[in-house]
């Protein structure tokens, strides 16, 4: 029973992360709004500025988020099997 709950949480978290990562990669305005307004990116904005933080986000962190999200989905599916 616990494995089912964990797998559901993993798959759900993976799907949400995958959705927002792909959305930010496809829609540059969404990514820019996130970089400009998110408190999680505040330190990156402070040190590197909005443009550089946006470039790093699109080239490094969003593809990494996609890989991690896919890993969570696969792990959740493996727990069910």
PDB file of N, CA and C in Angstrom:
ATOM      1  N   UNK A   1       0.818  -1.193   0.000  1.00  0.00           N
ATOM      2  CA  UNK A   1       0.000   0.000   0.000  1.00  0.00           C
ATOM      3  C   UNK A   1       0.866   1.263   0.000  1.00  0.00           C
ATOM      4  N   UNK A   2       1.911   1.257   0.803  1.00  0.00           N
ATOM      5  CA  UNK A   2       2.779   2.431   0.879  1.00  0.00           C
ATOM      6  C   UNK A   2       3.521   2.650  -0.440  1.00  0.00           C
ATOM      7  N   UNK A   3       3.885   1.544  -1.111  1.00  0.00           N
ATOM      8  CA  UNK A   3       4.577   1.684  -2.392  1.00  0.00           C
ATOM      9  C   UNK A   3       3.687   2.372  -3.419  1.00  0.00           C
ATOM     10  N   UNK A   4       2.392   2.077  -3.368  1.00  0.00           N
ATOM     11  CA  UNK A   4       1.447   2.702  -4.288  1.00  0.00           C
ATOM     12  C   UNK A   4       1.338   4.199  -4.062  1.00  0.00           C
ATOM     13  N   UNK A   5       1.323   4.588  -2.792  1.00  0.00           N
ATOM     14  CA  UNK A   5       1.241   6.024  -2.476  1.00  0.00           C
ATOM     15  C   UNK A   5       2.525   6.727  -2.899  1.00  0.00           C
ATOM     16  N   UNK A   6       3.669   6.109  -2.607  1.00  0.00           N
ATOM     17  CA  UNK A   6       4.946   6.703  -3.007  1.00  0.00           C
ATOM     18  C   UNK A   6       5.066   6.813  -4.522  1.00  0.00           C
ATOM     19  N   UNK A   7       4.650   5.762  -5.213  1.00  0.00           N
ATOM     20  CA  UNK A   7       4.747   5.797  -6.669  1.00  0.00           C
ATOM     21  C   UNK A   7       3.831   6.865  -7.244  1.00  0.00           C
ATOM     22  N   UNK A   8       2.643   7.028  -6.676  1.00  0.00           N
ATOM     23  CA  UNK A   8       1.732   8.063  -7.136  1.00  0.00           C
ATOM     24  C   UNK A   8       2.320   9.454  -6.905  1.00  0.00           C
ATOM     25  N   UNK A   9       2.940   9.673  -5.761  1.00  0.00           N
ATOM     26  CA  UNK A   9       3.587  10.960  -5.484  1.00  0.00           C
ATOM     27  C   UNK A   9       4.752  11.217  -6.427  1.00  0.00           C
ATOM     28  N   UNK A  10       5.557  10.179  -6.678  1.00  0.00           N
ATOM     29  CA  UNK A  10       6.696  10.337  -7.584  1.00  0.00           C
ATOM     30  C   UNK A  10       6.243  10.656  -9.001  1.00  0.00           C
ATOM     31  N   UNK A  11       5.267   9.911  -9.488  1.00  0.00           N
ATOM     32  CA  UNK A  11       4.778  10.145 -10.848  1.00  0.00           C
ATOM     33  C   UNK A  11       4.121  11.520 -10.944  1.00  0.00           C
ATOM     34  N   UNK A  12       3.323  11.893  -9.956  1.00  0.00           N
ATOM     35  CA  UNK A  12       2.678  13.212  -9.973  1.00  0.00           C
ATOM     36  C   UNK A  12       3.675  14.351  -9.945  1.00  0.00           C
ATOM     37  N   UNK A  13       4.674  14.239  -9.082  1.00  0.00           N
ATOM     38  CA  UNK A  13       5.710  15.270  -9.011  1.00  0.00           C
ATOM     39  C   UNK A  13       6.500  15.337 -10.310  1.00  0.00           C
ATOM     40  N   UNK A  14       6.793  14.189 -10.891  1.00  0.00           N
ATOM     41  CA  UNK A  14       7.514  14.148 -12.158  1.00  0.00           C
ATOM     42  C   UNK A  14       6.730  14.783 -13.287  1.00  0.00           C
ATOM     43  N   UNK A  15       5.434  14.522 -13.326  1.00  0.00           N
ATOM     44  CA  UNK A  15       4.598  15.097 -14.388  1.00  0.00           C
ATOM     45  C   UNK A  15       4.514  16.610 -14.256  1.00  0.00           C
ATOM     46  N   UNK A  16       4.338  17.096 -13.042  1.00  0.00           N
ATOM     47  CA  UNK A  16       4.269  18.554 -12.828  1.00  0.00           C
ATOM     48  C   UNK A  16       5.599  19.215 -13.197  1.00  0.00           C
ATOM     49  N   UNK A  17       6.705  18.624 -12.747  1.00  0.00           N
ATOM     50  CA  UNK A  17       8.014  19.179 -13.080  1.00  0.00           C
ATOM     51  C   UNK A  17       8.288  19.148 -14.573  1.00  0.00           C
ATOM     52  N   UNK A  18       7.905  18.056 -15.222  1.00  0.00           N
ATOM     53  CA  UNK A  18       8.094  17.935 -16.663  1.00  0.00           C
ATOM     54  C   UNK A  18       7.256  18.963 -17.413  1.00  0.00           C
ATOM     55  N   UNK A  19       6.028  19.166 -16.970  1.00  0.00           N
ATOM     56  CA  UNK A  19       5.144  20.140 -17.609  1.00  0.00           C
ATOM     57  C   UNK A  19       5.732  21.549 -17.549  1.00  0.00           C
ATOM     58  N   UNK A  20       6.162  21.973 -16.360  1.00  0.00           N
ATOM     59  CA  UNK A  20       6.676  23.335 -16.230  1.00  0.00           C
ATOM     60  C   UNK A  20       8.036  23.508 -16.903  1.00  0.00           C
ATOM     61  N   UNK A  21       8.863  22.477 -16.913  1.00  0.00           N
ATOM     62  CA  UNK A  21      10.162  22.579 -17.593  1.00  0.00           C
ATOM     63  C   UNK A  21       9.975  22.703 -19.096  1.00  0.00           C
ATOM     64  N   UNK A  22       9.101  21.883 -19.660  1.00  0.00           N
ATOM     65  CA  UNK A  22       8.853  21.964 -21.104  1.00  0.00           C
ATOM     66  C   UNK A  22       8.167  23.277 -21.454  1.00  0.00           C
ATOM     67  N   UNK A  23       7.243  23.715 -20.616  1.00  0.00           N
ATOM     68  CA  UNK A  23       6.558  24.980 -20.867  1.00  0.00           C
ATOM     69  C   UNK A  23       7.539  26.150 -20.885  1.00  0.00           C
ATOM     70  N   UNK A  24       8.506  26.134 -19.972  1.00  0.00           N
ATOM     71  CA  UNK A  24       9.496  27.217 -19.929  1.00  0.00           C
ATOM     72  C   UNK A  24      10.451  27.146 -21.112  1.00  0.00           C
ATOM     73  N   UNK A  25      10.745  25.940 -21.603  1.00  0.00           N
ATOM     74  CA  UNK A  25      11.611  25.820 -22.776  1.00  0.00           C
ATOM     75  C   UNK A  25      10.902  26.264 -24.045  1.00  0.00           C
ATOM     76  N   UNK A  26       9.617  25.948 -24.162  1.00  0.00           N
ATOM     77  CA  UNK A  26       8.867  26.276 -25.370  1.00  0.00           C
ATOM     78  C   UNK A  26       8.471  27.742 -25.398  1.00  0.00           C
ATOM     79  N   UNK A  27       8.100  28.290 -24.246  1.00  0.00           N
ATOM     80  CA  UNK A  27       7.600  29.654 -24.171  1.00  0.00           C
ATOM     81  C   UNK A  27       8.630  30.550 -23.462  1.00  0.00           C
ATOM     82  N   UNK A  28       9.407  31.320 -24.218  1.00  0.00           N
ATOM     83  CA  UNK A  28      10.423  32.170 -23.593  1.00  0.00           C
ATOM     84  C   UNK A  28       9.843  33.234 -22.654  1.00  0.00           C
ATOM     85  N   UNK A  29       8.630  33.686 -22.911  1.00  0.00           N
ATOM     86  CA  UNK A  29       8.017  34.687 -22.038  1.00  0.00           C
ATOM     87  C   UNK A  29       7.736  34.098 -20.655  1.00  0.00           C
ATOM     88  N   UNK A  30       7.330  32.836 -20.615  1.00  0.00           N
ATOM     89  CA  UNK A  30       7.093  32.167 -19.336  1.00  0.00           C
ATOM     90  C   UNK A  30       8.397  32.034 -18.556  1.00  0.00           C
ATOM     91  N   UNK A  31       9.464  31.652 -19.251  1.00  0.00           N
ATOM     92  CA  UNK A  31      10.764  31.509 -18.594  1.00  0.00           C
ATOM     93  C   UNK A  31      11.268  32.858 -18.083  1.00  0.00           C
ATOM     94  N   UNK A  32      11.107  33.895 -18.871  1.00  0.00           N
ATOM     95  CA  UNK A  32      11.548  35.230 -18.447  1.00  0.00           C
ATOM     96  C   UNK A  32      10.766  35.700 -17.228  1.00  0.00           C
ATOM     97  N   UNK A  33       9.445  35.483 -17.224  1.00  0.00           N
ATOM     98  CA  UNK A  33       8.633  35.890 -16.087  1.00  0.00           C
ATOM     99  C   UNK A  33       9.066  35.141 -14.825  1.00  0.00           C
ATOM    100  N   UNK A  34       9.373  33.854 -14.975  1.00  0.00           N
ATOM    101  CA  UNK A  34       9.819  33.068 -13.818  1.00  0.00           C
ATOM    102  C   UNK A  34      11.144  33.598 -13.279  1.00  0.00           C
ATOM    103  N   UNK A  35      12.079  33.870 -14.175  1.00  0.00           N
ATOM    104  CA  UNK A  35      13.396  34.364 -13.738  1.00  0.00           C
ATOM    105  C   UNK A  35      13.270  35.744 -13.099  1.00  0.00           C
ATOM    106  N   UNK A  36      12.396  36.576 -13.609  1.00  0.00           N
ATOM    107  CA  UNK A  36      12.267  37.934 -13.080  1.00  0.00           C
ATOM    108  C   UNK A  36      11.509  37.994 -11.750  1.00  0.00           C
ATOM    109  N   UNK A  37      10.594  37.051 -11.502  1.00  0.00           N
ATOM    110  CA  UNK A  37       9.724  37.177 -10.328  1.00  0.00           C
ATOM    111  C   UNK A  37       9.933  36.108  -9.256  1.00  0.00           C
ATOM    112  N   UNK A  38      10.581  35.012  -9.564  1.00  0.00           N
ATOM    113  CA  UNK A  38      10.681  33.920  -8.602  1.00  0.00           C
ATOM    114  C   UNK A  38      11.701  34.220  -7.510  1.00  0.00           C
ATOM    115  N   UNK A  39      11.331  33.989  -6.259  1.00  0.00           N
ATOM    116  CA  UNK A  39      12.304  34.174  -5.177  1.00  0.00           C
ATOM    117  C   UNK A  39      13.420  33.122  -5.208  1.00  0.00           C
ATOM    118  N   UNK A  40      13.187  31.990  -5.885  1.00  0.00           N
ATOM    119  CA  UNK A  40      14.216  30.954  -5.976  1.00  0.00           C
ATOM    120  C   UNK A  40      15.376  31.391  -6.879  1.00  0.00           C
ATOM    121  N   UNK A  41      15.122  32.324  -7.776  1.00  0.00           N
ATOM    122  CA  UNK A  41      16.145  32.778  -8.719  1.00  0.00           C
ATOM    123  C   UNK A  41      16.762  34.099  -8.275  1.00  0.00           C
ATOM    124  N   UNK A  42      16.379  34.579  -7.119  1.00  0.00           N
ATOM    125  CA  UNK A  42      16.832  35.883  -6.649  1.00  0.00           C
ATOM    126  C   UNK A  42      18.349  35.983  -6.612  1.00  0.00           C
ATOM    127  N   UNK A  43      19.015  34.965  -6.075  1.00  0.00           N
ATOM    128  CA  UNK A  43      20.469  35.001  -5.966  1.00  0.00           C
ATOM    129  C   UNK A  43      21.134  35.019  -7.336  1.00  0.00           C
ATOM    130  N   UNK A  44      20.602  34.244  -8.282  1.00  0.00           N
ATOM    131  CA  UNK A  44      21.150  34.239  -9.640  1.00  0.00           C
ATOM    132  C   UNK A  44      20.980  35.601 -10.295  1.00  0.00           C
ATOM    133  N   UNK A  45      19.797  36.217 -10.104  1.00  0.00           N
ATOM    134  CA  UNK A  45      19.573  37.562 -10.663  1.00  0.00           C
ATOM    135  C   UNK A  45      20.535  38.558 -10.057  1.00  0.00           C
ATOM    136  N   UNK A  46      20.791  38.455  -8.760  1.00  0.00           N
ATOM    137  CA  UNK A  46      21.654  39.409  -8.066  1.00  0.00           C
ATOM    138  C   UNK A  46      23.079  39.331  -8.594  1.00  0.00           C
ATOM    139  N   UNK A  47      23.603  38.116  -8.753  1.00  0.00           N
ATOM    140  CA  UNK A  47      24.997  37.961  -9.167  1.00  0.00           C
ATOM    141  C   UNK A  47      25.210  38.113 -10.670  1.00  0.00           C
ATOM    142  N   UNK A  48      24.294  37.578 -11.469  1.00  0.00           N
ATOM    143  CA  UNK A  48      24.537  37.510 -12.912  1.00  0.00           C
ATOM    144  C   UNK A  48      23.629  38.392 -13.749  1.00  0.00           C
ATOM    145  N   UNK A  49      22.567  38.911 -13.183  1.00  0.00           N
ATOM    146  CA  UNK A  49      21.616  39.696 -13.953  1.00  0.00           C
ATOM    147  C   UNK A  49      20.553  38.800 -14.577  1.00  0.00           C
ATOM    148  N   UNK A  50      19.490  39.427 -15.053  1.00  0.00           N
ATOM    149  CA  UNK A  50      18.355  38.681 -15.582  1.00  0.00           C
ATOM    150  C   UNK A  50      18.727  37.933 -16.858  1.00  0.00           C
ATOM    151  N   UNK A  51      19.440  38.580 -17.758  1.00  0.00           N
ATOM    152  CA  UNK A  51      19.750  37.954 -19.052  1.00  0.00           C
ATOM    153  C   UNK A  51      20.633  36.718 -18.892  1.00  0.00           C
ATOM    154  N   UNK A  52      21.672  36.834 -18.112  1.00  0.00           N
ATOM    155  CA  UNK A  52      22.576  35.694 -17.903  1.00  0.00           C
ATOM    156  C   UNK A  52      21.872  34.572 -17.142  1.00  0.00           C
ATOM    157  N   UNK A  53      21.054  34.923 -16.149  1.00  0.00           N
ATOM    158  CA  UNK A  53      20.297  33.909 -15.415  1.00  0.00           C
ATOM    159  C   UNK A  53      19.306  33.209 -16.333  1.00  0.00           C
ATOM    160  N   UNK A  54      18.719  33.943 -17.260  1.00  0.00           N
ATOM    161  CA  UNK A  54      17.792  33.351 -18.219  1.00  0.00           C
ATOM    162  C   UNK A  54      18.517  32.387 -19.156  1.00  0.00           C
ATOM    163  N   UNK A  55      19.710  32.768 -19.603  1.00  0.00           N
ATOM    164  CA  UNK A  55      20.492  31.888 -20.480  1.00  0.00           C
ATOM    165  C   UNK A  55      20.862  30.608 -19.736  1.00  0.00           C
ATOM    166  N   UNK A  56      21.325  30.724 -18.509  1.00  0.00           N
ATOM    167  CA  UNK A  56      21.706  29.541 -17.722  1.00  0.00           C
ATOM    168  C   UNK A  56      20.497  28.658 -17.452  1.00  0.00           C
ATOM    169  N   UNK A  57      19.371  29.284 -17.186  1.00  0.00           N
ATOM    170  CA  UNK A  57      18.151  28.523 -16.924  1.00  0.00           C
ATOM    171  C   UNK A  57      17.758  27.713 -18.148  1.00  0.00           C
ATOM    172  N   UNK A  58      17.765  28.362 -19.311  1.00  0.00           N
ATOM    173  CA  UNK A  58      17.328  27.678 -20.529  1.00  0.00           C
ATOM    174  C   UNK A  58      18.335  26.635 -21.012  1.00  0.00           C
ATOM    175  N   UNK A  59      19.616  26.849 -20.796  1.00  0.00           N
ATOM    176  CA  UNK A  59      20.619  25.914 -21.324  1.00  0.00           C
ATOM    177  C   UNK A  59      20.997  24.810 -20.352  1.00  0.00           C
ATOM    178  N   UNK A  60      20.885  25.049 -19.050  1.00  0.00           N
ATOM    179  CA  UNK A  60      21.361  24.060 -18.071  1.00  0.00           C
ATOM    180  C   UNK A  60      20.223  23.535 -17.204  1.00  0.00           C
ATOM    181  N   UNK A  61      19.510  24.420 -16.519  1.00  0.00           N
ATOM    182  CA  UNK A  61      18.593  23.987 -15.475  1.00  0.00           C
ATOM    183  C   UNK A  61      17.294  23.385 -16.007  1.00  0.00           C
ATOM    184  N   UNK A  62      16.755  23.898 -17.102  1.00  0.00           N
ATOM    185  CA  UNK A  62      15.531  23.311 -17.634  1.00  0.00           C
ATOM    186  C   UNK A  62      15.758  21.919 -18.219  1.00  0.00           C
ATOM    187  N   UNK A  63      16.818  21.688 -19.020  1.00  0.00           N
ATOM    188  CA  UNK A  63      17.065  20.299 -19.455  1.00  0.00           C
ATOM    189  C   UNK A  63      17.353  19.362 -18.281  1.00  0.00           C
ATOM    190  N   UNK A  64      18.045  19.857 -17.282  1.00  0.00           N
ATOM    191  CA  UNK A  64      18.290  19.046 -16.083  1.00  0.00           C
ATOM    192  C   UNK A  64      16.973  18.734 -15.364  1.00  0.00           C
ATOM    193  N   UNK A  65      16.071  19.698 -15.311  1.00  0.00           N
ATOM    194  CA  UNK A  65      14.757  19.473 -14.718  1.00  0.00           C
ATOM    195  C   UNK A  65      13.946  18.438 -15.480  1.00  0.00           C
ATOM    196  N   UNK A  66      14.079  18.425 -16.801  1.00  0.00           N
ATOM    197  CA  UNK A  66      13.387  17.419 -17.611  1.00  0.00           C
ATOM    198  C   UNK A  66      13.926  16.033 -17.312  1.00  0.00           C
ATOM    199  N   UNK A  67      15.241  15.899 -17.229  1.00  0.00           N
ATOM    200  CA  UNK A  67      15.849  14.597 -16.940  1.00  0.00           C
ATOM    201  C   UNK A  67      15.447  14.104 -15.553  1.00  0.00           C
ATOM    202  N   UNK A  68      15.482  14.981 -14.565  1.00  0.00           N
ATOM    203  CA  UNK A  68      15.107  14.590 -13.204  1.00  0.00           C
ATOM    204  C   UNK A  68      13.623  14.224 -13.141  1.00  0.00           C
ATOM    205  N   UNK A  69      12.776  14.979 -13.828  1.00  0.00           N
ATOM    206  CA  UNK A  69      11.349  14.674 -13.838  1.00  0.00           C
ATOM    207  C   UNK A  69      11.074  13.323 -14.485  1.00  0.00           C
ATOM    208  N   UNK A  70      11.749  13.046 -15.585  1.00  0.00           N
ATOM    209  CA  UNK A  70      11.589  11.733 -16.221  1.00  0.00           C
ATOM    210  C   UNK A  70      12.083  10.620 -15.305  1.00  0.00           C
ATOM    211  N   UNK A  71      13.159  10.875 -14.579  1.00  0.00           N
ATOM    212  CA  UNK A  71      13.657   9.896 -13.616  1.00  0.00           C
ATOM    213  C   UNK A  71      12.646   9.621 -12.517  1.00  0.00           C
ATOM    214  N   UNK A  72      11.975  10.663 -12.027  1.00  0.00           N
ATOM    215  CA  UNK A  72      10.949  10.474 -10.999  1.00  0.00           C
ATOM    216  C   UNK A  72       9.769   9.664 -11.536  1.00  0.00           C
ATOM    217  N   UNK A  73       9.374   9.941 -12.778  1.00  0.00           N
ATOM    218  CA  UNK A  73       8.268   9.194 -13.373  1.00  0.00           C
ATOM    219  C   UNK A  73       8.644   7.722 -13.532  1.00  0.00           C
ATOM    220  N   UNK A  74       9.847   7.454 -14.036  1.00  0.00           N
ATOM    221  CA  UNK A  74      10.284   6.077 -14.226  1.00  0.00           C
ATOM    222  C   UNK A  74      10.400   5.358 -12.888  1.00  0.00           C
ATOM    223  N   UNK A  75      10.944   6.020 -11.877  1.00  0.00           N
ATOM    224  CA  UNK A  75      11.051   5.419 -10.558  1.00  0.00           C
ATOM    225  C   UNK A  75       9.682   5.103  -9.974  1.00  0.00           C
ATOM    226  N   UNK A  76       8.727   5.997 -10.166  1.00  0.00           N
ATOM    227  CA  UNK A  76       7.364   5.761  -9.690  1.00  0.00           C
ATOM    228  C   UNK A  76       6.723   4.569 -10.379  1.00  0.00           C
ATOM    229  N   UNK A  77       6.973   4.432 -11.679  1.00  0.00           N
ATOM    230  CA  UNK A  77       6.429   3.287 -12.416  1.00  0.00           C
ATOM    231  C   UNK A  77       7.094   1.992 -11.969  1.00  0.00           C
ATOM    232  N   UNK A  78       8.386   2.035 -11.736  1.00  0.00           N
ATOM    233  CA  UNK A  78       9.105   0.829 -11.279  1.00  0.00           C
ATOM    234  C   UNK A  78       8.594   0.376  -9.914  1.00  0.00           C
ATOM    235  N   UNK A  79       8.253   1.321  -9.038  1.00  0.00           N
ATOM    236  CA  UNK A  79       7.740   0.954  -7.722  1.00  0.00           C
ATOM    237  C   UNK A  79       6.395   0.210  -7.801  1.00  0.00           C
ATOM    238  N   UNK A  80       5.613   0.515  -8.820  1.00  0.00           N
ATOM    239  CA  UNK A  80       4.320  -0.144  -8.985  1.00  0.00           C
ATOM    240  C   UNK A  80       4.498  -1.578  -9.454  1.00  0.00           C
ATOM    241  N   UNK A  81       5.484  -1.805 -10.301  1.00  0.00           N
ATOM    242  CA  UNK A  81       5.686  -3.139 -10.899  1.00  0.00           C
ATOM    243  C   UNK A  81       6.204  -4.126  -9.886  1.00  0.00           C
TER     244      UNK A  81
END
